[in-house]
Amino acid sequence: MVAVSQSPYWIKTTDPFAPSCSGGIPQKMDVIVVGGGLTGISAAYHLSRAGRQVMVLEAFDVGSGASGRNGGQVLNGWPLDMREIRERYGNDTAQVLWHFSDEALSRFVQIASGEAIVCDLQQVGHLDGAWAESDVLRLKEEQRILAELGKKTE
């Protein structure tokens, strides 16, 4: 039997983030972000880039919760297939949502590169497997819809 760790690899192999607030808590901030996960750190990053004085309050280590346990994958798309998004919200909204997710992925790559973040970033695509014939049919339909949205798939 193989022992499986419950602690993310990146936490074991990197130094924890050091608090940058030596000398106490400032008396005035433009924005205080509660939570140092992906959303909180992203909000703090963008606010600070816009010239705001920002403080992040995190009870534990930055990224130590669910944000740090995602396997390091950054993908575009949504939890629902684009077919299902189209059925629920219409074609126009599906197109906006797809392009929004594509832009988010591009922005992530741009920030990682621009800030020289050492993260072994590799854009290699991903695999969506089929377990049953119905999955194959679903994937073929998804491929057709993605092609209409300008996304090349294999």
Protein backbone atom coordinates (compact mmCIF):
# COMPACT_ATOMS: atom_id res chain seq x y z
CA MET A 1 0.00 0.00 0.00
CA VAL A 2 1.29 3.47 -0.93
CA ALA A 3 1.16 6.17 1.72
CA VAL A 4 -0.69 9.27 0.48
CA SER A 5 0.05 12.64 2.02
CA GLN A 6 -2.80 14.98 2.93
CA SER A 7 -0.45 17.97 2.66
CA PRO A 8 0.13 19.63 -0.75
CA TYR A 9 3.54 19.04 -2.29
CA TRP A 10 4.18 22.74 -2.83
CA ILE A 11 3.72 23.49 0.88
CA LYS A 12 6.29 20.82 1.79
CA THR A 13 8.84 22.04 -0.76
CA THR A 14 8.70 25.82 -0.36
CA ASP A 15 9.24 28.30 2.40
CA PRO A 16 6.03 29.71 3.85
CA PHE A 17 5.12 33.28 3.01
CA ALA A 18 6.64 35.61 5.57
CA PRO A 19 4.34 38.26 7.02
CA SER A 20 5.30 41.60 5.51
CA CYS A 21 3.71 43.68 8.23
CA SER A 22 6.56 44.11 10.69
CA GLY A 23 6.00 46.84 13.21
CA GLY A 24 2.32 46.29 13.80
CA ILE A 25 -0.87 46.79 11.89
CA PRO A 26 -1.13 50.10 10.01
CA GLN A 27 -3.78 52.48 11.32
CA LYS A 28 -5.13 53.20 7.84
CA MET A 29 -5.67 51.03 4.78
CA ASP A 30 -7.68 51.59 1.63
CA VAL A 31 -8.78 47.95 1.52
CA ILE A 32 -8.51 44.99 3.86
CA VAL A 33 -8.95 41.63 2.18
CA VAL A 34 -10.02 38.80 4.45
CA GLY A 35 -8.62 35.48 3.26
CA GLY A 36 -5.39 34.59 1.50
CA GLY A 37 -6.71 32.09 -1.02
CA LEU A 38 -6.72 32.58 -4.79
CA THR A 39 -9.60 35.04 -4.76
CA GLY A 40 -8.27 37.12 -1.86
CA ILE A 41 -4.72 37.27 -3.22
CA SER A 42 -6.01 38.12 -6.70
CA ALA A 43 -8.15 40.93 -5.31
CA ALA A 44 -5.21 42.27 -3.29
CA TYR A 45 -2.86 42.05 -6.28
CA HIS A 46 -5.19 43.96 -8.62
CA LEU A 47 -6.09 46.56 -6.01
CA SER A 48 -2.43 47.19 -5.18
CA ARG A 49 -1.64 47.49 -8.92
CA ALA A 50 -4.37 50.16 -9.04
CA GLY A 51 -2.52 52.13 -6.36
CA ARG A 52 -4.52 51.12 -3.30
CA GLN A 53 -2.97 50.37 0.09
CA VAL A 54 -4.05 46.77 0.70
CA MET A 55 -3.68 44.38 3.61
CA VAL A 56 -4.51 40.67 3.45
CA LEU A 57 -5.64 39.03 6.68
CA GLU A 58 -5.21 35.25 6.69
CA ALA A 59 -5.69 33.03 9.74
CA PHE A 60 -3.15 30.45 8.55
CA ASP A 61 -0.62 30.41 5.70
CA VAL A 62 -1.45 32.05 2.37
CA GLY A 63 -2.88 29.41 0.04
CA SER A 64 -3.08 26.77 2.77
CA GLY A 65 -6.78 26.06 2.29
CA ALA A 66 -8.62 24.76 -0.76
CA SER A 67 -6.78 27.20 -3.05
CA GLY A 68 -3.52 25.39 -2.35
CA ARG A 69 -4.97 21.96 -3.00
CA ASN A 70 -6.07 22.22 -6.63
CA GLY A 71 -3.29 20.13 -8.15
CA GLY A 72 -1.75 23.15 -9.87
CA GLN A 73 -4.02 22.99 -12.90
CA VAL A 74 -5.19 26.15 -14.61
CA LEU A 75 -7.83 25.52 -17.26
CA ASN A 76 -10.39 27.52 -19.16
CA GLY A 77 -14.04 26.55 -19.26
CA TRP A 78 -16.68 25.96 -16.63
CA PRO A 79 -17.93 23.09 -14.46
CA LEU A 80 -20.80 22.67 -16.95
CA ASP A 81 -20.27 21.65 -20.58
CA MET A 82 -20.78 24.48 -23.04
CA ARG A 83 -23.75 22.53 -24.44
CA GLU A 84 -25.45 22.72 -21.06
CA ILE A 85 -24.54 26.40 -20.66
CA ARG A 86 -26.06 27.09 -24.09
CA GLU A 87 -29.25 25.22 -23.20
CA ARG A 88 -29.65 27.03 -19.89
CA TYR A 89 -28.54 30.56 -20.80
CA GLY A 90 -28.61 30.85 -24.59
CA ASN A 91 -25.94 31.07 -27.26
CA ASP A 92 -24.96 34.71 -26.66
CA THR A 93 -24.31 34.15 -22.95
CA ALA A 94 -22.44 30.92 -23.70
CA GLN A 95 -20.14 32.81 -26.07
CA VAL A 96 -19.50 35.55 -23.49
CA LEU A 97 -18.78 32.99 -20.78
CA TRP A 98 -16.39 31.01 -22.98
CA HIS A 99 -14.44 34.10 -23.98
CA PHE A 100 -14.41 35.26 -20.35
CA SER A 101 -12.83 31.96 -19.26
CA ASP A 102 -10.29 32.15 -22.12
CA GLU A 103 -9.38 35.71 -21.07
CA ALA A 104 -8.97 34.61 -17.44
CA LEU A 105 -6.51 31.91 -18.50
CA SER A 106 -4.58 34.36 -20.70
CA ARG A 107 -4.48 36.87 -17.86
CA PHE A 108 -3.13 34.25 -15.46
CA VAL A 109 -0.31 33.43 -17.90
CA GLN A 110 0.39 37.13 -18.41
CA ILE A 111 0.64 37.81 -14.66
CA ALA A 112 2.78 34.73 -13.98
CA SER A 113 5.17 35.76 -16.77
CA GLY A 114 5.12 39.50 -16.05
CA GLU A 115 5.79 39.03 -12.35
CA ALA A 116 8.44 36.36 -13.03
CA ILE A 117 6.61 33.88 -10.79
CA VAL A 118 8.57 30.64 -10.67
CA CYS A 119 5.82 28.06 -11.06
CA ASP A 120 6.97 25.75 -13.88
CA LEU A 121 4.06 27.03 -15.98
CA GLN A 122 3.41 24.80 -18.98
CA GLN A 123 0.52 25.26 -21.39
CA VAL A 124 -0.04 21.72 -22.59
CA GLY A 125 -3.83 21.35 -22.75
CA HIS A 126 -5.86 18.79 -20.86
CA LEU A 127 -7.61 15.48 -21.38
CA ASP A 128 -11.32 14.90 -20.96
CA GLY A 129 -11.86 11.14 -21.01
CA ALA A 130 -14.90 9.08 -21.90
CA TRP A 131 -16.04 6.14 -19.76
CA ALA A 132 -19.08 5.16 -21.78
CA GLU A 133 -20.56 5.57 -25.27
CA SER A 134 -22.76 8.38 -23.93
CA ASP A 135 -19.58 10.21 -22.88
CA VAL A 136 -18.18 9.90 -26.41
CA LEU A 137 -21.37 11.42 -27.82
CA ARG A 138 -21.27 14.21 -25.22
CA LEU A 139 -17.63 14.98 -26.03
CA LYS A 140 -18.31 15.06 -29.78
CA GLU A 141 -21.13 17.56 -29.20
CA GLU A 142 -18.88 19.61 -26.92
CA GLN A 143 -16.17 19.58 -29.59
CA ARG A 144 -18.65 20.86 -32.18
CA ILE A 145 -19.79 23.69 -29.91
CA LEU A 146 -16.23 24.65 -28.98
CA ALA A 147 -15.31 24.78 -32.68
CA GLU A 148 -18.15 27.25 -33.20
CA LEU A 149 -16.62 29.33 -30.40
CA GLY A 150 -13.23 29.27 -32.11
CA LYS A 151 -11.61 26.65 -29.89
CA LYS A 152 -9.54 23.95 -31.58
CA THR A 153 -9.86 20.53 -29.94
CA GLU A 154 -8.70 17.02 -30.78
